[in-house]
């Protein structure tokens, strides 16, 4: 496996030392528009399997050329979600597999932006599904904490731990601070704003369908195939575990029947 990490910031910079503890890859390239920052990450690694490169994350052709030049098999997109589509399309062009932590951006509904979705998060990527299938390449999109890691945990629990899952509750709380700043988001401020402004989606009664006609109209949203909990709730709170928004429910977020 030859990996290209695009972005040498907080996410990309943390991926490299984590990867170095494993032996599943042959080579890892850290690329950033600021080659000095990418070089600093590679130098800290002090490992011959890691190198640095410069790339403009908005330049689809340049990304494709770098993938081919370095014979990259897998790309991790670790930059602002504004650059999702150039990187996503470049991977398809060059025949690389793809993973990101934030999906393609949304566009508000032209007439009822606070009630109905327009172009939803990830719609541009899902629209290319047939092209990725035809190329026999894998794209894992939206693989942050939630959705993403929490989905992996939930699916693993469904497949390997329990015979029935009645409810899955996802809680996201933090009391992160950055000294010297009254407000410092831990990821893209634009993604933070978008998450707060987008209309809400809610799981309906039919398995495999995210559906709330009162909120979403007749179209609904897509949910990963095969995931069938009775109920799924997600709640995000800032300010740590003591935040009252987290509630005082049972300590376990998943109510289950153990696998026999």
Protein backbone atom coordinates (compact mmCIF):
# COMPACT_ATOMS: atom_id res chain seq x y z
CA UNK A 1 0.00 0.00 0.00
CA UNK A 2 1.31 3.43 -0.99
CA UNK A 3 -0.48 6.27 0.78
CA UNK A 4 -0.87 9.95 -0.04
CA UNK A 5 -1.98 12.17 2.86
CA UNK A 6 -3.14 15.53 1.52
CA UNK A 7 -2.87 18.13 4.26
CA UNK A 8 -0.09 18.50 6.84
CA UNK A 9 -2.16 20.26 9.50
CA UNK A 10 -3.61 18.87 12.72
CA UNK A 11 -5.23 15.83 11.12
CA UNK A 12 -2.61 14.96 8.54
CA UNK A 13 0.20 15.62 10.98
CA UNK A 14 -1.36 13.22 13.50
CA UNK A 15 -1.90 10.45 10.94
CA UNK A 16 1.80 9.99 10.20
CA UNK A 17 3.11 9.02 13.69
CA UNK A 18 0.10 6.74 14.09
CA UNK A 19 0.81 5.00 10.77
CA UNK A 20 4.48 4.53 11.68
CA UNK A 21 3.49 2.10 14.43
CA UNK A 22 2.15 -0.26 11.77
CA UNK A 23 3.66 -2.15 8.87
CA UNK A 24 0.76 -2.27 6.40
CA UNK A 25 2.17 0.40 4.07
CA UNK A 26 5.19 0.57 1.80
CA UNK A 27 5.44 4.34 1.48
CA UNK A 28 3.58 7.42 2.73
CA UNK A 29 3.70 10.85 1.07
CA UNK A 30 2.64 13.92 3.05
CA UNK A 31 1.55 16.70 0.68
CA UNK A 32 0.53 20.27 1.39
CA UNK A 33 0.40 23.58 -0.48
CA UNK A 34 3.07 24.70 2.04
CA UNK A 35 5.86 22.23 1.30
CA UNK A 36 7.79 23.39 4.38
CA UNK A 37 4.95 22.21 6.60
CA UNK A 38 4.79 18.85 4.83
CA UNK A 39 8.58 18.52 5.10
CA UNK A 40 8.42 19.23 8.84
CA UNK A 41 5.95 16.37 9.32
CA UNK A 42 8.13 14.01 7.26
CA UNK A 43 11.28 15.08 9.13
CA UNK A 44 9.64 14.41 12.51
CA UNK A 45 8.78 10.92 11.30
CA UNK A 46 12.47 10.18 10.63
CA UNK A 47 11.46 7.11 8.68
CA UNK A 48 12.59 6.28 5.11
CA UNK A 49 9.03 5.25 4.27
CA UNK A 50 7.80 8.85 4.66
CA UNK A 51 8.44 11.71 2.22
CA UNK A 52 7.02 15.19 1.56
CA UNK A 53 5.60 16.86 -1.54
CA UNK A 54 3.86 20.06 -2.55
CA UNK A 55 0.37 19.99 -4.04
CA UNK A 56 -2.47 22.44 -4.51
CA UNK A 57 -5.57 20.69 -3.12
CA UNK A 58 -7.80 22.67 -5.48
CA UNK A 59 -5.93 21.44 -8.59
CA UNK A 60 -7.45 18.17 -9.78
CA UNK A 61 -4.83 17.63 -12.49
CA UNK A 62 -1.90 18.29 -10.15
CA UNK A 63 -3.27 15.82 -7.62
CA UNK A 64 -3.77 13.17 -10.31
CA UNK A 65 -0.20 13.70 -11.52
CA UNK A 66 1.19 13.31 -7.98
CA UNK A 67 -0.81 10.11 -7.44
CA UNK A 68 0.62 8.63 -10.63
CA UNK A 69 4.15 9.87 -9.99
CA UNK A 70 4.26 8.34 -6.50
CA UNK A 71 2.33 5.22 -7.56
CA UNK A 72 -0.20 5.93 -4.80
CA UNK A 73 -2.84 3.28 -4.10
CA UNK A 74 -4.75 5.07 -1.30
CA UNK A 75 -5.40 8.77 -0.63
CA UNK A 76 -6.40 10.29 2.70
CA UNK A 77 -8.01 13.71 2.32
CA UNK A 78 -7.07 15.69 5.45
CA UNK A 79 -7.82 19.23 4.29
CA UNK A 80 -10.76 21.61 4.44
CA UNK A 81 -13.96 20.14 2.91
CA UNK A 82 -13.95 22.87 0.25
CA UNK A 83 -11.33 20.71 -1.49
CA UNK A 84 -13.21 17.41 -1.30
CA UNK A 85 -14.34 17.29 -4.91
CA UNK A 86 -11.01 18.07 -6.65
CA UNK A 87 -9.29 15.39 -4.57
CA UNK A 88 -12.17 12.93 -4.90
CA UNK A 89 -12.27 13.29 -8.69
CA UNK A 90 -8.48 13.19 -8.99
CA UNK A 91 -8.42 9.83 -7.21
CA UNK A 92 -10.94 8.43 -9.67
CA UNK A 93 -8.92 9.84 -12.58
CA UNK A 94 -5.69 8.25 -11.34
CA UNK A 95 -7.17 4.97 -10.09
CA UNK A 96 -6.55 5.44 -6.35
CA UNK A 97 -8.80 4.48 -3.45
CA UNK A 98 -10.06 7.35 -1.30
CA UNK A 99 -10.96 8.25 2.29
CA UNK A 100 -12.05 11.57 3.79
CA UNK A 101 -13.34 12.87 7.11
CA UNK A 102 -15.73 15.49 5.68
CA UNK A 103 -18.00 15.10 2.68
CA UNK A 104 -18.74 17.40 -0.24
CA UNK A 105 -20.43 20.59 0.87
CA UNK A 106 -24.12 21.38 0.82
CA UNK A 107 -26.02 24.14 -0.98
CA UNK A 108 -29.05 25.68 0.75
CA UNK A 109 -32.53 25.15 -0.62
CA UNK A 110 -33.25 28.19 -2.84
CA UNK A 111 -36.65 28.94 -1.31
CA UNK A 112 -36.84 27.27 2.14
CA UNK A 113 -33.22 26.97 3.34
CA UNK A 114 -34.09 26.45 7.02
CA UNK A 115 -36.79 23.86 6.38
CA UNK A 116 -35.73 21.79 3.39
CA UNK A 117 -32.33 20.59 2.16
CA UNK A 118 -30.98 21.76 -1.16
CA UNK A 119 -27.87 19.90 -2.26
CA UNK A 120 -27.05 17.82 0.80
CA UNK A 121 -23.67 17.01 2.29
CA UNK A 122 -22.15 14.23 0.19
CA UNK A 123 -24.65 14.47 -2.67
CA UNK A 124 -21.95 15.30 -5.21
CA UNK A 125 -19.94 12.27 -4.14
CA UNK A 126 -22.88 9.86 -4.06
CA UNK A 127 -23.81 11.00 -7.59
CA UNK A 128 -20.52 9.49 -8.81
CA UNK A 129 -21.08 6.08 -7.22
CA UNK A 130 -21.59 4.30 -10.55
CA UNK A 131 -18.29 5.68 -11.84
CA UNK A 132 -16.41 4.37 -8.82
CA UNK A 133 -18.09 0.98 -9.13
CA UNK A 134 -17.17 0.80 -12.81
CA UNK A 135 -13.55 1.62 -11.94
CA UNK A 136 -13.58 -1.02 -9.17
CA UNK A 137 -12.26 1.48 -6.64
CA UNK A 138 -13.31 2.13 -3.03
CA UNK A 139 -14.23 5.54 -1.61
CA UNK A 140 -15.01 5.85 2.10
CA UNK A 141 -16.61 9.25 2.63
CA UNK A 142 -17.53 11.12 5.79
CA UNK A 143 -15.20 8.98 7.93
CA UNK A 144 -14.78 11.45 10.79
CA UNK A 145 -16.01 10.67 14.30
CA UNK A 146 -19.73 10.85 13.63
CA UNK A 147 -20.66 9.84 11.07
CA UNK A 148 -17.65 7.64 10.43
CA UNK A 149 -15.97 6.00 13.40
CA UNK A 150 -19.26 5.76 15.31
CA UNK A 151 -20.78 3.99 12.27
CA UNK A 152 -17.92 1.48 12.23
CA UNK A 153 -18.39 0.77 15.94
CA UNK A 154 -22.16 0.39 15.51
CA UNK A 155 -21.82 -1.98 12.55
CA UNK A 156 -19.17 -4.06 14.36
CA UNK A 157 -21.49 -4.34 17.36
CA UNK A 158 -24.36 -5.41 15.11
CA UNK A 159 -22.33 -8.03 13.23
CA UNK A 160 -20.22 -9.47 16.04
CA UNK A 161 -21.47 -8.60 19.53
CA UNK A 162 -25.26 -8.60 19.75
CA UNK A 163 -28.20 -10.47 18.29
CA UNK A 164 -30.43 -7.40 18.53
CA UNK A 165 -29.75 -3.69 18.97
CA UNK A 166 -32.68 -1.73 20.31
CA UNK A 167 -31.06 1.68 20.46
CA UNK A 168 -27.74 3.33 19.61
CA UNK A 169 -27.05 6.73 21.13
CA UNK A 170 -24.10 8.81 19.90
CA UNK A 171 -22.77 11.45 22.32
CA UNK A 172 -20.16 13.99 21.31
CA UNK A 173 -18.90 16.23 24.07
CA UNK A 174 -15.67 18.11 24.60
CA UNK A 175 -14.11 20.82 26.73
CA UNK A 176 -11.18 21.51 24.40
CA UNK A 177 -9.48 24.86 24.82
CA UNK A 178 -6.78 26.72 22.92
CA UNK A 179 -4.85 29.10 25.15
CA UNK A 180 -5.15 32.72 24.13
CA UNK A 181 -8.41 32.28 22.19
CA UNK A 182 -11.96 32.72 23.47
CA UNK A 183 -13.22 30.60 20.58
CA UNK A 184 -11.12 28.11 18.62
CA UNK A 185 -12.97 25.28 16.80
CA UNK A 186 -11.14 21.96 16.67
CA UNK A 187 -11.88 21.59 12.93
CA UNK A 188 -12.98 23.74 10.00
CA UNK A 189 -15.12 26.66 11.16
CA UNK A 190 -17.08 26.46 7.90
CA UNK A 191 -17.99 22.83 8.60
CA UNK A 192 -19.04 23.82 12.13
CA UNK A 193 -21.33 26.55 10.80
CA UNK A 194 -22.76 24.27 8.13
CA UNK A 195 -23.61 21.55 10.67
CA UNK A 196 -25.49 24.09 12.77
CA UNK A 197 -27.48 25.59 9.89
CA UNK A 198 -28.45 22.50 7.88
CA UNK A 199 -31.99 21.13 8.39
CA UNK A 200 -32.19 18.14 10.71
CA UNK A 201 -32.76 14.55 9.57
CA UNK A 202 -34.44 11.88 11.67
CA UNK A 203 -34.59 8.09 11.41
CA UNK A 204 -38.04 6.86 10.55
CA UNK A 205 -39.80 3.59 11.27
CA UNK A 206 -38.67 1.79 8.11
CA UNK A 207 -35.21 0.19 8.38
CA UNK A 208 -32.55 1.62 6.12
CA UNK A 209 -34.31 4.93 5.49
CA UNK A 210 -33.62 8.35 6.97
CA UNK A 211 -36.97 9.99 6.61
CA UNK A 212 -38.94 12.86 8.08
CA UNK A 213 -41.46 14.36 5.67
CA UNK A 214 -42.15 17.27 7.99
CA UNK A 215 -38.48 18.25 7.87
CA UNK A 216 -37.14 16.84 4.64
CA UNK A 217 -40.11 16.73 2.28
CA UNK A 218 -40.72 13.67 0.14
CA UNK A 219 -37.11 12.89 -0.80
CA UNK A 220 -35.65 11.85 2.55
CA UNK A 221 -31.96 11.04 3.07
CA UNK A 222 -29.84 7.96 2.51
CA UNK A 223 -28.58 5.64 5.22
CA UNK A 224 -25.93 2.97 4.84
CA UNK A 225 -27.47 -0.25 3.62
CA UNK A 226 -27.73 -3.10 6.09
CA UNK A 227 -27.72 -1.11 9.32
CA UNK A 228 -30.92 -1.86 11.19
CA UNK A 229 -31.07 -0.58 14.76
CA UNK A 230 -34.49 0.02 16.25
CA UNK A 231 -33.65 3.62 17.09
CA UNK A 232 -30.62 5.83 16.56
CA UNK A 233 -30.16 9.12 18.35
CA UNK A 234 -27.28 11.55 17.96
CA UNK A 235 -26.59 14.52 20.19
CA UNK A 236 -23.65 16.90 20.13
CA UNK A 237 -22.65 19.06 23.06
CA UNK A 238 -19.76 21.35 23.82
CA UNK A 239 -18.40 21.96 27.27
CA UNK A 240 -17.54 18.49 28.54
CA UNK A 241 -19.42 15.59 30.09
CA UNK A 242 -21.01 17.85 32.68
CA UNK A 243 -22.89 19.74 29.98
CA UNK A 244 -26.62 19.39 30.77
CA UNK A 245 -27.31 18.87 27.07
CA UNK A 246 -25.88 15.38 27.47
CA UNK A 247 -28.74 14.48 29.78
CA UNK A 248 -28.83 12.15 32.75
CA UNK A 249 -29.80 8.94 30.97
CA UNK A 250 -28.36 5.48 31.59
CA UNK A 251 -24.59 5.20 31.49
CA UNK A 252 -24.74 2.81 28.52
CA UNK A 253 -25.65 4.43 25.24
CA UNK A 254 -26.57 1.12 23.59
CA UNK A 255 -29.49 -0.94 24.89
CA UNK A 256 -29.01 -4.48 23.58
CA UNK A 257 -29.83 -8.13 23.76
CA UNK A 258 -26.56 -10.13 23.99
CA UNK A 259 -25.74 -12.48 21.12
CA UNK A 260 -26.59 -16.08 22.01
